[in-house]
Amino acid sequence: MNVTEHNRKAWDKAVQEKSVWTVPVGPDEITAARRGEWCILLTPEKCAPRTWFPADLQGVDILCLASGGGQQGPLLAAAGATVTVFDNSPGQLAQDRLVARREGLTITPVEGDMADLSVFDDAQFDLIVHPCSNLFVPDVRPVWREAHRVLRPGGRIMAGFMNPVFYLFDAKLADRGQYEVRYELPYSDVDSLPPKERDDYIKELSALEFGHTLTDQIGGQLDAGFRLVGFYEDRWTGQALSEWMEPYIATLAEKG
């Protein structure tokens, strides 16, 4: 099946249902960002360290990769950056347009697959902000290679992603506090789920997810030519596995 097309429709549906990751920032947050007070989430709860960003965002070319929803992009634009938001979902990009119109911001929205950035030139951006979203592509390595290509020398990518251990367990049992190892890694909603469960996901327009190995998530960045310069873990309060560990990871990597 065409995963990209399915997940586009799934995220458009999520916008209609007002998923937490589709609700745009409000005027107060934009006003604060213009004063230099802002928080960028790569993972559910922890702000990315301010030291991961340039001290002054004025004129910095930033690509918000698979980052629609009117959240990261508008804050960075309000702080002075030149922002392009790239996302697979027209509904998510519409949220960025909404905030840009409401707040008088300049944001360039571009629709496409995060594994194919051919619409951009080599060495076009200074910084890529890539919040937890590459779980929605079957192969993450092209994402890292394309990110490396479109960054200038010395450019950075900050990325959030899932620890693959999250996908080991039966999710429904985990929600009830029972942890039963059910799946091998790497995980895929397409290939790992029994056909009936997979078909239900597809009929319900649930986004299809993929649990990439750390070899592909971290090793993939190194193999693409990045060097790792920052790392932290995070949890999502209320999520079952987050009661026991921090299942979200954020990395900062630099292009030599």
C-alpha atoms as a PDB file:
ATOM      1  CA  MET A   1       0.000   0.000   0.000  1.00  0.00           C
ATOM      2  CA  ASN A   2       0.986   3.645  -0.362  1.00  0.00           C
ATOM      3  CA  VAL A   3       1.971   4.565   3.207  1.00  0.00           C
ATOM      4  CA  THR A   4       2.649   8.204   2.350  1.00  0.00           C
ATOM      5  CA  GLU A   5      -0.813   8.699   0.888  1.00  0.00           C
ATOM      6  CA  HIS A   6      -2.511   6.856   3.755  1.00  0.00           C
ATOM      7  CA  ASN A   7      -0.707   8.867   6.417  1.00  0.00           C
ATOM      8  CA  ARG A   8      -1.496  12.105   4.599  1.00  0.00           C
ATOM      9  CA  LYS A   9      -5.198  11.312   4.923  1.00  0.00           C
ATOM     10  CA  ALA A  10      -4.737  10.133   8.522  1.00  0.00           C
ATOM     11  CA  TRP A  11      -3.116  13.431   9.568  1.00  0.00           C
ATOM     12  CA  ASP A  12      -5.737  15.474   7.738  1.00  0.00           C
ATOM     13  CA  LYS A  13      -8.285  13.546   9.803  1.00  0.00           C
ATOM     14  CA  ALA A  14      -6.276  14.265  12.970  1.00  0.00           C
ATOM     15  CA  VAL A  15      -6.504  17.989  12.198  1.00  0.00           C
ATOM     16  CA  GLN A  16     -10.290  17.737  11.942  1.00  0.00           C
ATOM     17  CA  GLU A  17     -10.378  15.877  15.259  1.00  0.00           C
ATOM     18  CA  LYS A  18      -8.061  18.470  16.905  1.00  0.00           C
ATOM     19  CA  SER A  19      -5.301  16.071  17.912  1.00  0.00           C
ATOM     20  CA  VAL A  20      -2.904  17.719  20.371  1.00  0.00           C
ATOM     21  CA  TRP A  21      -0.187  17.805  17.662  1.00  0.00           C
ATOM     22  CA  THR A  22      -2.430  19.693  15.242  1.00  0.00           C
ATOM     23  CA  VAL A  23      -3.576  22.596  17.444  1.00  0.00           C
ATOM     24  CA  PRO A  24      -1.662  25.778  16.507  1.00  0.00           C
ATOM     25  CA  VAL A  25      -0.035  28.148  18.968  1.00  0.00           C
ATOM     26  CA  GLY A  26      -2.059  31.117  20.214  1.00  0.00           C
ATOM     27  CA  PRO A  27      -1.404  34.874  20.056  1.00  0.00           C
ATOM     28  CA  ASP A  28       0.140  34.964  23.540  1.00  0.00           C
ATOM     29  CA  GLU A  29       2.773  32.427  22.547  1.00  0.00           C
ATOM     30  CA  ILE A  30       3.623  34.419  19.423  1.00  0.00           C
ATOM     31  CA  THR A  31       3.930  37.628  21.453  1.00  0.00           C
ATOM     32  CA  ALA A  32       6.277  35.864  23.877  1.00  0.00           C
ATOM     33  CA  ALA A  33       8.347  34.456  20.992  1.00  0.00           C
ATOM     34  CA  ARG A  34       8.804  37.958  19.613  1.00  0.00           C
ATOM     35  CA  ARG A  35      10.311  38.848  23.006  1.00  0.00           C
ATOM     36  CA  GLY A  36      12.648  35.864  22.756  1.00  0.00           C
ATOM     37  CA  GLU A  37      10.611  33.610  25.045  1.00  0.00           C
ATOM     38  CA  TRP A  38       9.788  30.349  23.296  1.00  0.00           C
ATOM     39  CA  CYS A  39       9.909  26.579  23.712  1.00  0.00           C
ATOM     40  CA  ILE A  40      10.347  24.145  20.826  1.00  0.00           C
ATOM     41  CA  LEU A  41       9.176  20.576  21.461  1.00  0.00           C
ATOM     42  CA  LEU A  42      10.941  17.765  19.621  1.00  0.00           C
ATOM     43  CA  THR A  43       9.436  15.236  22.044  1.00  0.00           C
ATOM     44  CA  PRO A  44       6.231  15.465  24.105  1.00  0.00           C
ATOM     45  CA  GLU A  45       7.292  17.461  27.177  1.00  0.00           C
ATOM     46  CA  LYS A  46      10.878  18.758  27.379  1.00  0.00           C
ATOM     47  CA  CYS A  47      11.858  21.952  25.594  1.00  0.00           C
ATOM     48  CA  ALA A  48      14.815  21.554  23.281  1.00  0.00           C
ATOM     49  CA  PRO A  49      17.794  23.302  24.950  1.00  0.00           C
ATOM     50  CA  ARG A  50      18.237  26.902  23.822  1.00  0.00           C
ATOM     51  CA  THR A  51      21.946  26.144  23.373  1.00  0.00           C
ATOM     52  CA  TRP A  52      20.939  23.905  20.454  1.00  0.00           C
ATOM     53  CA  PHE A  53      19.802  27.030  18.548  1.00  0.00           C
ATOM     54  CA  PRO A  54      21.819  29.995  17.297  1.00  0.00           C
ATOM     55  CA  ALA A  55      21.923  32.776  19.891  1.00  0.00           C
ATOM     56  CA  ASP A  56      20.200  35.079  17.380  1.00  0.00           C
ATOM     57  CA  LEU A  57      17.617  33.642  14.982  1.00  0.00           C
ATOM     58  CA  GLN A  58      17.403  36.756  12.794  1.00  0.00           C
ATOM     59  CA  GLY A  59      17.940  35.661   9.192  1.00  0.00           C
ATOM     60  CA  VAL A  60      18.609  32.012  10.073  1.00  0.00           C
ATOM     61  CA  ASP A  61      17.173  29.704   7.376  1.00  0.00           C
ATOM     62  CA  ILE A  62      15.219  26.980   9.196  1.00  0.00           C
ATOM     63  CA  LEU A  63      13.472  23.958   7.735  1.00  0.00           C
ATOM     64  CA  CYS A  64      10.735  22.564   9.998  1.00  0.00           C
ATOM     65  CA  LEU A  65      10.782  19.005   8.668  1.00  0.00           C
ATOM     66  CA  ALA A  66       7.566  16.961   8.942  1.00  0.00           C
ATOM     67  CA  SER A  67       6.588  19.684  11.381  1.00  0.00           C
ATOM     68  CA  GLY A  68       3.243  21.106  10.270  1.00  0.00           C
ATOM     69  CA  GLY A  69       0.477  21.947  12.698  1.00  0.00           C
ATOM     70  CA  GLY A  70       1.170  25.599  13.422  1.00  0.00           C
ATOM     71  CA  GLN A  71       3.418  24.900  16.405  1.00  0.00           C
ATOM     72  CA  GLN A  72       7.207  25.022  15.877  1.00  0.00           C
ATOM     73  CA  GLY A  73       7.295  27.016  12.635  1.00  0.00           C
ATOM     74  CA  PRO A  74       5.327  30.083  13.774  1.00  0.00           C
ATOM     75  CA  LEU A  75       7.308  30.383  17.014  1.00  0.00           C
ATOM     76  CA  LEU A  76      10.604  30.338  15.149  1.00  0.00           C
ATOM     77  CA  ALA A  77       9.322  32.829  12.575  1.00  0.00           C
ATOM     78  CA  ALA A  78       8.148  35.144  15.356  1.00  0.00           C
ATOM     79  CA  ALA A  79      11.624  34.882  16.890  1.00  0.00           C
ATOM     80  CA  GLY A  80      13.128  36.176  13.643  1.00  0.00           C
ATOM     81  CA  ALA A  81      14.033  33.096  11.597  1.00  0.00           C
ATOM     82  CA  THR A  82      13.277  32.577   7.912  1.00  0.00           C
ATOM     83  CA  VAL A  83      11.051  29.511   8.136  1.00  0.00           C
ATOM     84  CA  THR A  84      10.016  26.819   5.676  1.00  0.00           C
ATOM     85  CA  VAL A  85       7.549  24.219   6.965  1.00  0.00           C
ATOM     86  CA  PHE A  86       7.589  20.894   5.115  1.00  0.00           C
ATOM     87  CA  ASP A  87       4.832  18.366   5.804  1.00  0.00           C
ATOM     88  CA  ASN A  88       2.926  15.519   4.159  1.00  0.00           C
ATOM     89  CA  SER A  89      -0.487  16.767   5.342  1.00  0.00           C
ATOM     90  CA  PRO A  90      -2.287  19.703   3.683  1.00  0.00           C
ATOM     91  CA  GLY A  91      -4.383  20.019   6.840  1.00  0.00           C
ATOM     92  CA  GLN A  92      -1.288  20.412   9.004  1.00  0.00           C
ATOM     93  CA  LEU A  93       0.206  23.003   6.643  1.00  0.00           C
ATOM     94  CA  ALA A  94      -3.098  24.896   6.757  1.00  0.00           C
ATOM     95  CA  GLN A  95      -2.534  25.400  10.496  1.00  0.00           C
ATOM     96  CA  ASP A  96       0.784  27.122   9.789  1.00  0.00           C
ATOM     97  CA  ARG A  97      -0.883  29.325   7.170  1.00  0.00           C
ATOM     98  CA  LEU A  98      -3.608  30.179   9.681  1.00  0.00           C
ATOM     99  CA  VAL A  99      -1.113  31.402  12.291  1.00  0.00           C
ATOM    100  CA  ALA A 100       0.947  33.245   9.663  1.00  0.00           C
ATOM    101  CA  ARG A 101      -2.119  35.190   8.479  1.00  0.00           C
ATOM    102  CA  ARG A 102      -3.353  35.863  11.991  1.00  0.00           C
ATOM    103  CA  GLU A 103       0.022  37.097  13.270  1.00  0.00           C
ATOM    104  CA  GLY A 104       1.500  38.708  10.154  1.00  0.00           C
ATOM    105  CA  LEU A 105       4.311  36.150   9.906  1.00  0.00           C
ATOM    106  CA  THR A 106       6.165  34.997   6.814  1.00  0.00           C
ATOM    107  CA  ILE A 107       6.241  31.200   6.579  1.00  0.00           C
ATOM    108  CA  THR A 108       6.770  29.121   3.433  1.00  0.00           C
ATOM    109  CA  PRO A 109       4.661  25.925   3.570  1.00  0.00           C
ATOM    110  CA  VAL A 110       5.684  23.038   1.285  1.00  0.00           C
ATOM    111  CA  GLU A 111       3.846  19.720   0.935  1.00  0.00           C
ATOM    112  CA  GLY A 112       5.800  16.511   0.455  1.00  0.00           C
ATOM    113  CA  ASP A 113       7.332  13.293   1.765  1.00  0.00           C
ATOM    114  CA  MET A 114      10.070  13.831   4.381  1.00  0.00           C
ATOM    115  CA  ALA A 115      12.216  11.171   2.676  1.00  0.00           C
ATOM    116  CA  ASP A 116      12.306  13.221  -0.550  1.00  0.00           C
ATOM    117  CA  LEU A 117      13.466  16.830  -0.260  1.00  0.00           C
ATOM    118  CA  SER A 118      14.283  17.194  -3.964  1.00  0.00           C
ATOM    119  CA  VAL A 119      12.220  20.399  -4.053  1.00  0.00           C
ATOM    120  CA  PHE A 120      15.089  22.041  -2.109  1.00  0.00           C
ATOM    121  CA  ASP A 121      18.591  22.919  -3.290  1.00  0.00           C
ATOM    122  CA  ASP A 122      21.757  21.540  -1.788  1.00  0.00           C
ATOM    123  CA  ALA A 123      22.988  23.544   1.212  1.00  0.00           C
ATOM    124  CA  GLN A 124      19.809  25.648   1.452  1.00  0.00           C
ATOM    125  CA  PHE A 125      19.266  25.672   5.236  1.00  0.00           C
ATOM    126  CA  ASP A 126      21.193  26.494   8.406  1.00  0.00           C
ATOM    127  CA  LEU A 127      19.041  24.428  10.766  1.00  0.00           C
ATOM    128  CA  ILE A 128      16.496  21.619  10.541  1.00  0.00           C
ATOM    129  CA  VAL A 129      13.902  21.155  13.287  1.00  0.00           C
ATOM    130  CA  HIS A 130      12.494  17.626  13.013  1.00  0.00           C
ATOM    131  CA  PRO A 131      10.084  16.801  15.862  1.00  0.00           C
ATOM    132  CA  CYS A 132       8.982  13.239  16.562  1.00  0.00           C
ATOM    133  CA  SER A 133       7.550  12.258  13.175  1.00  0.00           C
ATOM    134  CA  ASN A 134       9.843   9.829  11.367  1.00  0.00           C
ATOM    135  CA  LEU A 135       7.889   6.973  12.946  1.00  0.00           C
ATOM    136  CA  PHE A 136       5.482   7.566  10.045  1.00  0.00           C
ATOM    137  CA  VAL A 137       7.932   6.506   7.293  1.00  0.00           C
ATOM    138  CA  PRO A 138       8.935   2.882   6.554  1.00  0.00           C
ATOM    139  CA  ASP A 139      12.626   3.733   6.024  1.00  0.00           C
ATOM    140  CA  VAL A 140      14.258   6.517   8.031  1.00  0.00           C
ATOM    141  CA  ARG A 141      17.691   6.519   6.418  1.00  0.00           C
ATOM    142  CA  PRO A 142      16.654   8.555   3.350  1.00  0.00           C
ATOM    143  CA  VAL A 143      15.366  11.220   5.759  1.00  0.00           C
ATOM    144  CA  TRP A 144      18.848  11.605   7.255  1.00  0.00           C
ATOM    145  CA  ARG A 145      20.563  11.615   3.863  1.00  0.00           C
ATOM    146  CA  GLU A 146      18.244  14.273   2.472  1.00  0.00           C
ATOM    147  CA  ALA A 147      18.576  16.378   5.615  1.00  0.00           C
ATOM    148  CA  HIS A 148      22.364  16.255   5.290  1.00  0.00           C
ATOM    149  CA  ARG A 149      22.168  17.319   1.638  1.00  0.00           C
ATOM    150  CA  VAL A 150      19.990  20.396   2.190  1.00  0.00           C
ATOM    151  CA  LEU A 151      22.015  21.686   5.173  1.00  0.00           C
ATOM    152  CA  ARG A 152      24.913  24.075   4.779  1.00  0.00           C
ATOM    153  CA  PRO A 153      28.345  23.049   6.134  1.00  0.00           C
ATOM    154  CA  GLY A 154      28.191  23.450   9.903  1.00  0.00           C
ATOM    155  CA  GLY A 155      24.389  23.256   9.782  1.00  0.00           C
ATOM    156  CA  ARG A 156      22.507  21.309  12.414  1.00  0.00           C
ATOM    157  CA  ILE A 157      19.528  18.985  12.643  1.00  0.00           C
ATOM    158  CA  MET A 158      17.651  18.511  15.895  1.00  0.00           C
ATOM    159  CA  ALA A 159      15.402  15.473  15.806  1.00  0.00           C
ATOM    160  CA  GLY A 160      12.927  13.733  18.079  1.00  0.00           C
ATOM    161  CA  PHE A 161      12.084  10.050  17.657  1.00  0.00           C
ATOM    162  CA  MET A 162      10.810   6.959  19.459  1.00  0.00           C
ATOM    163  CA  ASN A 163      12.978   4.498  21.333  1.00  0.00           C
ATOM    164  CA  PRO A 164      12.076   1.284  19.464  1.00  0.00           C
ATOM    165  CA  VAL A 165      11.483  -0.557  22.760  1.00  0.00           C
ATOM    166  CA  PHE A 166       8.109   1.240  22.721  1.00  0.00           C
ATOM    167  CA  TYR A 167       6.983  -1.105  19.945  1.00  0.00           C
ATOM    168  CA  LEU A 168       7.890  -4.374  21.654  1.00  0.00           C
ATOM    169  CA  PHE A 169       4.708  -4.558  23.691  1.00  0.00           C
ATOM    170  CA  ASP A 170       1.043  -5.243  23.061  1.00  0.00           C
ATOM    171  CA  ALA A 171      -0.252  -1.646  23.202  1.00  0.00           C
ATOM    172  CA  LYS A 172      -3.742  -2.498  24.477  1.00  0.00           C
ATOM    173  CA  LEU A 173      -2.372  -4.583  27.345  1.00  0.00           C
ATOM    174  CA  ALA A 174       0.211  -1.906  28.169  1.00  0.00           C
ATOM    175  CA  ASP A 175      -2.587   0.644  28.528  1.00  0.00           C
ATOM    176  CA  ARG A 176      -3.959  -1.657  31.260  1.00  0.00           C
ATOM    177  CA  GLY A 177      -0.582  -1.906  32.975  1.00  0.00           C
ATOM    178  CA  GLN A 178       0.293  -5.336  31.546  1.00  0.00           C
ATOM    179  CA  TYR A 179       3.528  -5.541  29.580  1.00  0.00           C
ATOM    180  CA  GLU A 180       3.652  -8.478  27.202  1.00  0.00           C
ATOM    181  CA  VAL A 181       6.361  -8.623  24.557  1.00  0.00           C
ATOM    182  CA  ARG A 182       4.555  -9.227  21.295  1.00  0.00           C
ATOM    183  CA  TYR A 183       6.606  -7.876  18.385  1.00  0.00           C
ATOM    184  CA  GLU A 184      10.106  -8.124  16.988  1.00  0.00           C
ATOM    185  CA  LEU A 185      12.089  -5.031  16.038  1.00  0.00           C
ATOM    186  CA  PRO A 186      12.169  -3.206  13.738  1.00  0.00           C
ATOM    187  CA  TYR A 187       8.401  -2.819  13.984  1.00  0.00           C
ATOM    188  CA  SER A 188       5.882  -2.009  11.232  1.00  0.00           C
ATOM    189  CA  ASP A 189       2.110  -1.526  11.440  1.00  0.00           C
ATOM    190  CA  VAL A 190       2.012  -2.857   7.873  1.00  0.00           C
ATOM    191  CA  ASP A 191       4.053  -6.029   8.380  1.00  0.00           C
ATOM    192  CA  SER A 192       4.009  -6.752  12.126  1.00  0.00           C
ATOM    193  CA  LEU A 193       0.282  -6.498  12.886  1.00  0.00           C
ATOM    194  CA  PRO A 194      -2.032  -9.427  12.165  1.00  0.00           C
ATOM    195  CA  PRO A 195      -4.014  -8.738   8.963  1.00  0.00           C
ATOM    196  CA  LYS A 196      -7.296  -8.026  10.810  1.00  0.00           C
ATOM    197  CA  GLU A 197      -5.712  -5.424  13.107  1.00  0.00           C
ATOM    198  CA  ARG A 198      -3.818  -3.852  10.219  1.00  0.00           C
ATOM    199  CA  ASP A 199      -6.969  -3.630   8.127  1.00  0.00           C
ATOM    200  CA  ASP A 200      -8.839  -2.008  11.032  1.00  0.00           C
ATOM    201  CA  TYR A 201      -6.085   0.630  11.322  1.00  0.00           C
ATOM    202  CA  ILE A 202      -6.403   1.349   7.628  1.00  0.00           C
ATOM    203  CA  LYS A 203     -10.212   1.541   7.677  1.00  0.00           C
ATOM    204  CA  GLU A 204     -10.144   3.858  10.707  1.00  0.00           C
ATOM    205  CA  LEU A 205      -7.552   6.095   9.005  1.00  0.00           C
ATOM    206  CA  SER A 206      -5.135   5.692  11.884  1.00  0.00           C
ATOM    207  CA  ALA A 207      -1.630   6.797  10.942  1.00  0.00           C
ATOM    208  CA  LEU A 208       0.622   3.825  10.211  1.00  0.00           C
ATOM    209  CA  GLU A 209       3.728   3.696  12.427  1.00  0.00           C
ATOM    210  CA  PHE A 210       7.178   2.157  12.160  1.00  0.00           C
ATOM    211  CA  GLY A 211       9.547   1.415  15.052  1.00  0.00           C
ATOM    212  CA  HIS A 212      13.034   2.026  13.626  1.00  0.00           C
ATOM    213  CA  THR A 213      16.105   0.541  15.264  1.00  0.00           C
ATOM    214  CA  LEU A 214      18.622   2.778  17.009  1.00  0.00           C
ATOM    215  CA  THR A 215      21.096   1.626  14.360  1.00  0.00           C
ATOM    216  CA  ASP A 216      18.904   3.367  11.781  1.00  0.00           C
ATOM    217  CA  GLN A 217      17.938   6.336  13.958  1.00  0.00           C
ATOM    218  CA  ILE A 218      21.346   7.226  15.409  1.00  0.00           C
ATOM    219  CA  GLY A 219      23.656   5.177  13.219  1.00  0.00           C
ATOM    220  CA  GLY A 220      21.747   6.434  10.195  1.00  0.00           C
ATOM    221  CA  GLN A 221      22.602  10.012  11.083  1.00  0.00           C
ATOM    222  CA  LEU A 222      26.280   9.134  11.484  1.00  0.00           C
ATOM    223  CA  ASP A 223      26.305   7.213   8.208  1.00  0.00           C
ATOM    224  CA  ALA A 224      24.724  10.198   6.436  1.00  0.00           C
ATOM    225  CA  GLY A 225      27.717  12.312   7.467  1.00  0.00           C
ATOM    226  CA  PHE A 226      26.527  13.941  10.691  1.00  0.00           C
ATOM    227  CA  ARG A 227      28.344  14.009  14.003  1.00  0.00           C
ATOM    228  CA  LEU A 228      26.238  13.738  17.143  1.00  0.00           C
ATOM    229  CA  VAL A 229      26.660  16.720  19.486  1.00  0.00           C
ATOM    230  CA  GLY A 230      23.564  16.575  21.737  1.00  0.00           C
ATOM    231  CA  PHE A 231      21.169  14.022  23.236  1.00  0.00           C
ATOM    232  CA  TYR A 232      18.330  13.747  25.761  1.00  0.00           C
ATOM    233  CA  GLU A 233      15.364  11.512  26.593  1.00  0.00           C
ATOM    234  CA  ASP A 234      11.774  12.401  27.431  1.00  0.00           C
ATOM    235  CA  ARG A 235       8.466  10.885  28.474  1.00  0.00           C
ATOM    236  CA  TRP A 236       4.776  11.646  27.869  1.00  0.00           C
ATOM    237  CA  THR A 237       2.889  11.815  31.186  1.00  0.00           C
ATOM    238  CA  GLY A 238      -0.089   9.475  31.129  1.00  0.00           C
ATOM    239  CA  GLN A 239       1.328   7.196  28.453  1.00  0.00           C
ATOM    240  CA  ALA A 240       1.721   3.676  29.827  1.00  0.00           C
ATOM    241  CA  LEU A 241       5.391   3.001  29.091  1.00  0.00           C
ATOM    242  CA  SER A 242       6.342   6.511  30.235  1.00  0.00           C
ATOM    243  CA  GLU A 243       5.555   5.415  33.791  1.00  0.00           C
ATOM    244  CA  TRP A 244       8.642   3.183  33.649  1.00  0.00           C
ATOM    245  CA  MET A 245      11.101   4.861  31.278  1.00  0.00           C
ATOM    246  CA  GLU A 246      11.638   7.772  28.929  1.00  0.00           C
ATOM    247  CA  PRO A 247      10.671   6.278  25.540  1.00  0.00           C
ATOM    248  CA  TYR A 248      11.373   9.425  23.492  1.00  0.00           C
ATOM    249  CA  ILE A 249      14.815  10.494  22.296  1.00  0.00           C
ATOM    250  CA  ALA A 250      16.092  13.798  20.928  1.00  0.00           C
ATOM    251  CA  THR A 251      19.431  14.247  19.179  1.00  0.00           C
ATOM    252  CA  LEU A 252      21.391  17.205  17.867  1.00  0.00           C
ATOM    253  CA  ALA A 253      23.695  16.473  14.950  1.00  0.00           C
ATOM    254  CA  GLU A 254      26.025  18.690  12.931  1.00  0.00           C
ATOM    255  CA  LYS A 255      27.094  18.569   9.304  1.00  0.00           C
ATOM    256  CA  GLY A 256      30.856  18.767   8.905  1.00  0.00           C
END
